Amino acid sequence: MVPVLILLHANYANLIDWNPWIKELSASHRIIRFDIPGHGLSYSDPSGDYSMPRTLFLFKELMKHLEINRFSIAGASLGGTIGLHYASNYPNEINKLILVSPGALNPRVRGSNEPAHLPKIFNLLTQITPRALVEGLLTGGFGDPSRISEELVTRWHELLLKEGQRDAQMARMKQYISGDIDKVIQSIESPVLIMWGKKNKVVSVDLAIEMKDLLINSPSVKTIIYENAGHQLAQEIGSETAKDALIYLTKNNQE
């Protein structure tokens, strides 16, 4: 049976950003990728609920619909945090967990039972979203901003302007509650690969080591630090990370 890999993108990102991974991994895996509600080509959630429980519910329902009951997850940033929560809730479904710069331990939200306070000026972003804003997001997420292509900036900007997307993005940020994320990480029972950029300005590389130490119930934890990359590894060094993921997943499948 062909192993299944679920790809979960980062905040502001979309399923297209995983193209380098598709190129490397599609020959050996059945790959499922989708735009999280409020991202890419997906519609906003009519419920208006962008909380983690709602996100996990939709993820679980998709797996039921596709009749997939065993798989690996690779999640980037927000997608990595979703992957952690899913693996914690449904440990018997997970073969392997790949965490690509997850933001779960970001000190701004870590351990909080209340959503982070956002200045009112943030609401303007739902109405005024210049291309320069997207360029700034990507520049802050890349270790080497010269790697940012015009095509990437254009795609992110155009998809962000899709009807309902900016409101959904803002709602997700306002509704996110970390809770006891340390306990969630400690509960993970699957093998884990952590990928992190040393030049990560969003979540410091020191948190990669802390996350590894928290994974006390994982049977094996491997960490790869990319010296010249930042937070958005799937976009910045997609081919390199995909090749490393392929090696790791193939080894795991043989064990």
Protein backbone atom coordinates (compact mmCIF):
# COMPACT_ATOMS: atom_id res chain seq x y z
CA MET A 1 0.00 0.00 0.00
CA VAL A 2 1.32 3.44 -0.94
CA PRO A 3 1.97 5.52 2.20
CA VAL A 4 -0.07 8.70 2.59
CA LEU A 5 1.42 12.10 3.40
CA ILE A 6 -0.71 15.09 4.41
CA LEU A 7 0.81 18.53 3.75
CA LEU A 8 -0.37 21.44 5.93
CA HIS A 9 0.77 24.90 4.87
CA ALA A 10 1.71 27.94 6.96
CA ASN A 11 -0.36 31.00 7.80
CA TYR A 12 -0.74 33.31 4.76
CA ALA A 13 0.54 30.45 2.58
CA ASN A 14 -1.28 28.00 0.29
CA LEU A 15 -1.06 24.48 -1.07
CA ILE A 16 0.87 25.64 -4.16
CA ASP A 17 3.87 26.41 -1.95
CA TRP A 18 4.35 22.65 -1.53
CA ASN A 19 5.10 22.11 -5.25
CA PRO A 20 8.79 21.24 -4.63
CA TRP A 21 7.67 18.56 -2.18
CA ILE A 22 5.20 17.17 -4.71
CA LYS A 23 8.00 16.87 -7.25
CA GLU A 24 10.22 14.91 -4.86
CA LEU A 25 7.68 12.80 -2.99
CA SER A 26 4.78 12.02 -5.32
CA ALA A 27 6.49 8.97 -6.83
CA SER A 28 6.69 7.25 -3.44
CA HIS A 29 3.67 8.66 -1.58
CA ARG A 30 0.03 9.47 -2.04
CA ILE A 31 0.04 13.14 -1.15
CA ILE A 32 -2.97 15.08 0.11
CA ARG A 33 -2.65 18.86 0.33
CA PHE A 34 -5.38 21.40 0.86
CA ASP A 35 -5.88 25.07 1.61
CA ILE A 36 -6.84 25.61 5.22
CA PRO A 37 -10.08 27.67 5.37
CA GLY A 38 -9.28 31.32 4.80
CA HIS A 39 -6.18 30.55 2.72
CA GLY A 40 -5.40 30.00 -0.94
CA LEU A 41 -8.39 29.01 -3.04
CA SER A 42 -10.48 27.85 -0.09
CA TYR A 43 -13.54 29.76 1.04
CA SER A 44 -13.89 31.33 4.45
CA ASP A 45 -15.62 29.12 7.02
CA PRO A 46 -19.35 29.99 7.08
CA SER A 47 -19.40 29.23 10.80
CA GLY A 48 -16.94 32.04 11.47
CA ASP A 49 -15.09 29.63 13.77
CA TYR A 50 -11.35 29.44 13.09
CA SER A 51 -10.35 27.97 16.45
CA MET A 52 -8.03 24.98 16.74
CA PRO A 53 -10.89 22.59 17.70
CA ARG A 54 -12.81 23.63 14.57
CA THR A 55 -9.71 23.25 12.42
CA LEU A 56 -9.08 19.75 13.78
CA PHE A 57 -12.73 18.83 13.25
CA LEU A 58 -12.55 19.80 9.56
CA PHE A 59 -9.24 17.96 9.15
CA LYS A 60 -10.71 14.83 10.74
CA GLU A 61 -13.85 14.99 8.60
CA LEU A 62 -11.73 15.25 5.45
CA MET A 63 -9.80 12.12 6.45
CA LYS A 64 -13.09 10.31 7.03
CA HIS A 65 -14.41 11.43 3.66
CA LEU A 66 -11.27 10.22 1.90
CA GLU A 67 -11.32 7.00 3.96
CA ILE A 68 -7.75 7.53 5.10
CA ASN A 69 -7.04 6.20 8.57
CA ARG A 70 -3.24 6.03 8.67
CA PHE A 71 -0.83 8.68 7.37
CA SER A 72 2.11 10.96 8.01
CA ILE A 73 1.83 14.72 8.42
CA ALA A 74 4.23 17.44 7.31
CA GLY A 75 3.19 20.82 8.63
CA ALA A 76 4.84 24.21 8.22
CA SER A 77 4.48 26.91 10.89
CA LEU A 78 0.70 27.02 11.56
CA GLY A 79 0.44 23.68 9.76
CA GLY A 80 3.02 22.21 12.12
CA THR A 81 1.02 23.35 15.14
CA ILE A 82 -2.12 21.83 13.64
CA GLY A 83 -0.16 18.63 13.04
CA LEU A 84 0.93 18.52 16.68
CA HIS A 85 -2.64 18.89 17.91
CA TYR A 86 -3.94 16.28 15.46
CA ALA A 87 -1.23 13.78 16.40
CA SER A 88 -1.97 14.38 20.07
CA ASN A 89 -5.71 13.79 19.58
CA TYR A 90 -5.43 10.84 17.19
CA PRO A 91 -2.09 9.11 17.89
CA ASN A 92 -3.15 5.82 16.29
CA GLU A 93 -3.55 7.48 12.90
CA ILE A 94 -0.04 8.94 12.63
CA ASN A 95 2.94 7.18 11.09
CA LYS A 96 5.35 10.09 11.10
CA LEU A 97 5.25 13.77 11.99
CA ILE A 98 7.40 16.34 10.21
CA LEU A 99 7.46 19.78 11.84
CA VAL A 100 8.70 22.55 9.56
CA SER A 101 9.38 25.57 11.79
CA PRO A 102 6.16 25.19 13.81
CA GLY A 103 5.13 28.32 15.69
CA ALA A 104 3.72 26.36 18.64
CA LEU A 105 6.31 27.65 21.14
CA ASN A 106 6.18 31.29 20.07
CA PRO A 107 6.47 33.13 23.40
CA ARG A 108 3.82 35.63 22.30
CA VAL A 109 1.10 32.96 22.56
CA ARG A 110 2.64 30.02 24.38
CA GLY A 111 0.66 28.73 27.33
CA SER A 112 -2.07 31.34 27.02
CA ASN A 113 -5.74 30.52 27.55
CA GLU A 114 -6.78 33.78 25.91
CA PRO A 115 -6.27 34.95 22.33
CA ALA A 116 -3.37 37.32 21.75
CA HIS A 117 -4.27 41.01 21.83
CA LEU A 118 -3.97 42.60 18.40
CA PRO A 119 -3.76 46.39 18.02
CA LYS A 120 -6.82 47.91 16.34
CA ILE A 121 -4.68 49.02 13.43
CA PHE A 122 -4.48 45.35 12.40
CA ASN A 123 -8.13 45.59 11.35
CA LEU A 124 -7.07 47.92 8.55
CA LEU A 125 -5.27 44.99 6.95
CA THR A 126 -8.65 43.50 6.05
CA GLN A 127 -9.35 46.54 3.91
CA ILE A 128 -5.97 47.85 2.79
CA THR A 129 -3.46 45.21 1.76
CA PRO A 130 -0.68 46.61 -0.43
CA ARG A 131 1.73 44.34 -2.27
CA ALA A 132 4.49 45.81 -0.11
CA LEU A 133 2.88 44.21 2.94
CA VAL A 134 3.19 40.77 1.38
CA GLU A 135 6.78 41.50 0.39
CA GLY A 136 7.45 42.42 4.01
CA LEU A 137 5.93 39.19 5.30
CA LEU A 138 8.07 37.13 2.99
CA THR A 139 11.21 39.15 3.66
CA GLY A 140 10.78 38.55 7.39
CA GLY A 141 10.30 34.84 6.77
CA PHE A 142 13.28 34.22 4.48
CA GLY A 143 16.85 33.83 5.67
CA ASP A 144 17.99 35.15 2.29
CA PRO A 145 15.41 37.60 0.86
CA SER A 146 17.11 37.46 -2.56
CA ARG A 147 15.45 34.06 -2.97
CA ILE A 148 11.99 35.64 -2.99
CA SER A 149 10.55 35.49 -6.51
CA GLU A 150 8.11 37.94 -8.06
CA GLU A 151 5.86 34.98 -8.81
CA LEU A 152 5.69 34.07 -5.11
CA VAL A 153 4.87 37.63 -4.05
CA THR A 154 2.20 37.95 -6.74
CA ARG A 155 0.56 34.64 -5.83
CA TRP A 156 0.44 35.41 -2.12
CA HIS A 157 -0.90 38.91 -2.74
CA GLU A 158 -3.58 37.88 -5.22
CA LEU A 159 -4.82 35.01 -3.07
CA LEU A 160 -4.89 37.20 0.02
CA LEU A 161 -7.15 39.62 -1.86
CA LYS A 162 -9.66 36.86 -2.60
CA GLU A 163 -13.07 37.63 -1.10
CA GLY A 164 -13.27 36.75 2.58
CA GLN A 165 -9.63 35.73 2.98
CA ARG A 166 -8.36 38.72 4.93
CA ASP A 167 -11.31 38.65 7.32
CA ALA A 168 -10.73 34.93 7.84
CA GLN A 169 -7.02 35.47 8.48
CA MET A 170 -7.77 38.13 11.07
CA ALA A 171 -10.42 35.95 12.74
CA ARG A 172 -7.99 33.03 12.99
CA MET A 173 -5.38 35.20 14.69
CA LYS A 174 -7.96 36.60 17.10
CA GLN A 175 -9.32 33.16 17.97
CA TYR A 176 -6.05 31.24 18.37
CA ILE A 177 -5.48 29.93 21.90
CA SER A 178 -2.28 28.05 22.68
CA GLY A 179 -3.44 26.48 25.93
CA ASP A 180 -1.05 23.92 27.41
CA ILE A 181 0.92 23.42 24.20
CA ASP A 182 3.85 21.96 26.16
CA LYS A 183 1.58 19.12 27.30
CA VAL A 184 0.39 18.58 23.72
CA ILE A 185 3.99 18.24 22.52
CA GLN A 186 4.86 15.90 25.39
CA SER A 187 1.97 13.62 24.40
CA ILE A 188 3.21 12.95 20.85
CA GLU A 189 3.85 9.23 20.36
CA SER A 190 4.99 9.13 16.73
CA PRO A 191 8.52 9.56 15.37
CA VAL A 192 9.24 13.23 14.65
CA LEU A 193 11.47 15.14 12.26
CA ILE A 194 12.05 18.81 13.15
CA MET A 195 13.18 21.15 10.37
CA TRP A 196 14.29 24.66 11.33
CA GLY A 197 16.13 27.56 9.72
CA LYS A 198 19.00 29.00 11.73
CA LYS A 199 18.07 32.49 10.49
CA ASN A 200 14.47 32.12 11.62
CA LYS A 201 13.29 35.53 12.85
CA VAL A 202 9.74 34.40 13.66
CA VAL A 203 10.51 31.56 16.07
CA SER A 204 14.11 31.38 17.21
CA VAL A 205 16.18 28.32 16.37
CA ASP A 206 16.64 27.83 20.13
CA LEU A 207 13.02 26.69 20.22
CA ALA A 208 13.88 23.76 17.94
CA ILE A 209 16.06 22.35 20.70
CA GLU A 210 13.40 23.06 23.30
CA MET A 211 10.77 21.32 21.20
CA LYS A 212 13.00 18.28 20.80
CA ASP A 213 13.43 18.11 24.59
CA LEU A 214 9.65 18.31 25.09
CA LEU A 215 9.01 15.31 22.82
CA ILE A 216 9.52 12.89 25.69
CA ASN A 217 7.07 10.25 24.42
CA SER A 218 8.23 10.18 20.81
CA PRO A 219 10.22 7.01 20.03
CA SER A 220 12.69 9.04 17.94
CA VAL A 221 13.31 12.70 17.23
CA LYS A 222 15.57 13.95 14.46
CA THR A 223 16.45 17.61 13.98
CA ILE A 224 17.79 19.29 10.85
CA ILE A 225 18.97 22.90 11.11
CA TYR A 226 19.38 24.78 7.81
CA GLU A 227 22.19 27.28 8.26
CA ASN A 228 21.16 29.88 5.66
CA ALA A 229 17.38 29.67 5.75
CA GLY A 230 14.65 31.39 7.75
CA HIS A 231 11.13 30.56 8.88
CA GLN A 232 9.43 29.77 5.57
CA LEU A 233 11.45 26.73 4.60
CA ALA A 234 8.90 25.28 2.16
CA GLN A 235 9.04 28.48 0.12
CA GLU A 236 12.73 29.30 0.52
CA ILE A 237 14.43 25.90 0.18
CA GLY A 238 11.58 23.66 -0.88
CA SER A 239 13.64 21.18 -2.88
CA GLU A 240 16.26 20.72 -0.16
CA THR A 241 13.71 20.15 2.58
CA ALA A 242 11.70 17.83 0.33
CA LYS A 243 14.74 15.64 -0.33
CA ASP A 244 15.45 15.42 3.39
CA ALA A 245 11.80 14.54 4.05
CA LEU A 246 11.92 11.80 1.42
CA ILE A 247 15.00 10.22 3.00
CA TYR A 248 13.41 10.36 6.42
CA LEU A 249 10.02 9.01 5.38
CA THR A 250 11.54 6.22 3.31
CA LYS A 251 13.72 5.13 6.21
CA ASN A 252 10.72 5.17 8.51
CA ASN A 253 8.66 3.09 6.09
CA GLN A 254 11.35 0.41 6.10
CA GLU A 255 11.45 0.16 9.89
